[in-house]
């Protein structure tokens, strides 16, 4: 049941982000170009969403859970970035050196 609630939360957030994008990303350009402006709006929306969710948990007495969830989100994002960077490095090496990917490359993605 908890996994299902988590999935519903993800779907709700995805829907809200789409709704937000359609409604606000074309407005209020400011001193930025379109892509930078949209990125700042997404950052404000999602940053506020995450922060407010953590604060609601915290204010309702779930302090440890709020901090745990924020740390978990940070860890997941850092792991994704590391995986993307390592994958890009392998692809670049393969393209530049006309090399092939071997098992050690793939295993290297899953550990230090």
Protein backbone atom coordinates (compact mmCIF):
# COMPACT_ATOMS: atom_id res chain seq x y z
CA UNK A 1 0.00 0.00 0.00
CA UNK A 2 2.84 2.40 0.81
CA UNK A 3 4.42 1.78 -2.59
CA UNK A 4 1.09 2.53 -4.23
CA UNK A 5 0.80 5.81 -2.31
CA UNK A 6 4.33 6.70 -3.42
CA UNK A 7 3.39 5.97 -7.03
CA UNK A 8 0.26 8.11 -6.73
CA UNK A 9 2.39 10.93 -5.34
CA UNK A 10 4.74 10.66 -8.31
CA UNK A 11 1.83 10.73 -10.75
CA UNK A 12 0.30 13.73 -8.98
CA UNK A 13 3.56 15.63 -9.06
CA UNK A 14 4.07 14.78 -12.73
CA UNK A 15 0.58 16.07 -13.50
CA UNK A 16 1.17 19.27 -11.52
CA UNK A 17 4.50 19.88 -13.28
CA UNK A 18 2.82 19.47 -16.68
CA UNK A 19 0.02 21.81 -15.62
CA UNK A 20 2.59 24.31 -14.33
CA UNK A 21 4.61 24.08 -17.54
CA UNK A 22 1.61 24.79 -19.75
CA UNK A 23 0.41 27.64 -17.57
CA UNK A 24 3.55 29.51 -16.55
CA UNK A 25 6.66 28.70 -18.55
CA UNK A 26 5.65 31.00 -21.41
CA UNK A 27 5.06 33.94 -19.09
CA UNK A 28 7.36 36.20 -17.12
CA UNK A 29 10.55 35.91 -19.15
CA UNK A 30 12.41 38.62 -17.25
CA UNK A 31 16.06 39.24 -18.15
CA UNK A 32 16.71 35.62 -19.15
CA UNK A 33 16.39 33.74 -22.40
CA UNK A 34 13.52 31.27 -22.71
CA UNK A 35 15.39 28.12 -21.66
CA UNK A 36 17.03 29.78 -18.66
CA UNK A 37 13.76 31.38 -17.65
CA UNK A 38 11.90 28.06 -17.84
CA UNK A 39 14.65 26.33 -15.85
CA UNK A 40 14.40 28.94 -13.10
CA UNK A 41 10.61 28.54 -12.97
CA UNK A 42 10.87 24.75 -12.72
CA UNK A 43 13.51 25.15 -10.03
CA UNK A 44 11.26 27.50 -8.05
CA UNK A 45 8.21 25.25 -8.44
CA UNK A 46 9.88 21.93 -7.68
CA UNK A 47 12.16 23.38 -5.01
CA UNK A 48 9.15 24.85 -3.27
CA UNK A 49 7.22 21.60 -3.63
CA UNK A 50 9.99 19.51 -2.10
CA UNK A 51 10.73 22.02 0.64
CA UNK A 52 7.08 22.46 1.55
CA UNK A 53 6.51 18.69 1.66
CA UNK A 54 9.48 18.30 4.02
CA UNK A 55 8.26 21.19 6.18
CA UNK A 56 4.78 19.65 6.43
CA UNK A 57 6.34 16.39 7.62
CA UNK A 58 8.55 18.30 10.04
CA UNK A 59 5.71 20.46 11.40
CA UNK A 60 3.51 17.38 11.92
CA UNK A 61 6.14 15.79 14.12
CA UNK A 62 7.88 13.62 11.53
CA UNK A 63 11.20 15.43 11.80
CA UNK A 64 13.42 12.41 11.21
CA UNK A 65 11.36 11.32 8.21
CA UNK A 66 11.53 14.80 6.67
CA UNK A 67 15.30 14.92 6.93
CA UNK A 68 15.66 11.28 5.80
CA UNK A 69 13.58 11.95 2.67
CA UNK A 70 15.56 15.06 1.77
CA UNK A 71 18.84 13.17 2.19
CA UNK A 72 17.45 10.25 0.16
CA UNK A 73 16.44 12.58 -2.68
CA UNK A 74 19.90 14.15 -2.65
CA UNK A 75 21.60 10.73 -2.74
CA UNK A 76 19.44 9.54 -5.63
CA UNK A 77 20.15 12.68 -7.65
CA UNK A 78 23.89 12.44 -6.98
CA UNK A 79 23.89 8.77 -8.04
CA UNK A 80 21.99 9.58 -11.24
CA UNK A 81 24.42 12.36 -12.08
CA UNK A 82 27.41 10.09 -11.48
CA UNK A 83 25.88 7.37 -13.68
CA UNK A 84 25.15 9.90 -16.46
CA UNK A 85 28.70 11.30 -16.27
CA UNK A 86 30.29 7.85 -16.39
CA UNK A 87 28.03 6.74 -19.24
CA UNK A 88 28.90 9.88 -21.20
CA UNK A 89 32.62 9.28 -20.60
CA UNK A 90 32.34 5.71 -21.92
CA UNK A 91 30.39 6.87 -24.98
CA UNK A 92 32.95 9.58 -25.67
CA UNK A 93 35.83 7.11 -25.40
CA UNK A 94 34.07 4.67 -27.70
CA UNK A 95 33.40 7.37 -30.30
CA UNK A 96 36.83 9.05 -30.13
CA UNK A 97 38.93 5.90 -30.03
CA UNK A 98 36.61 3.74 -32.11
CA UNK A 99 36.72 1.42 -29.12
CA UNK A 100 34.17 -1.06 -27.85
CA UNK A 101 32.42 -1.34 -24.51
CA UNK A 102 33.53 -4.30 -22.44
CA UNK A 103 32.27 -5.89 -19.25
CA UNK A 104 34.65 -3.89 -17.05
CA UNK A 105 33.08 -0.66 -18.33
CA UNK A 106 29.62 -1.88 -17.46
CA UNK A 107 30.66 -3.18 -14.05
CA UNK A 108 32.42 0.13 -13.37
CA UNK A 109 29.07 1.89 -13.56
CA UNK A 110 27.83 -0.02 -10.54
CA UNK A 111 30.64 0.59 -8.10
CA UNK A 112 33.80 2.46 -7.29
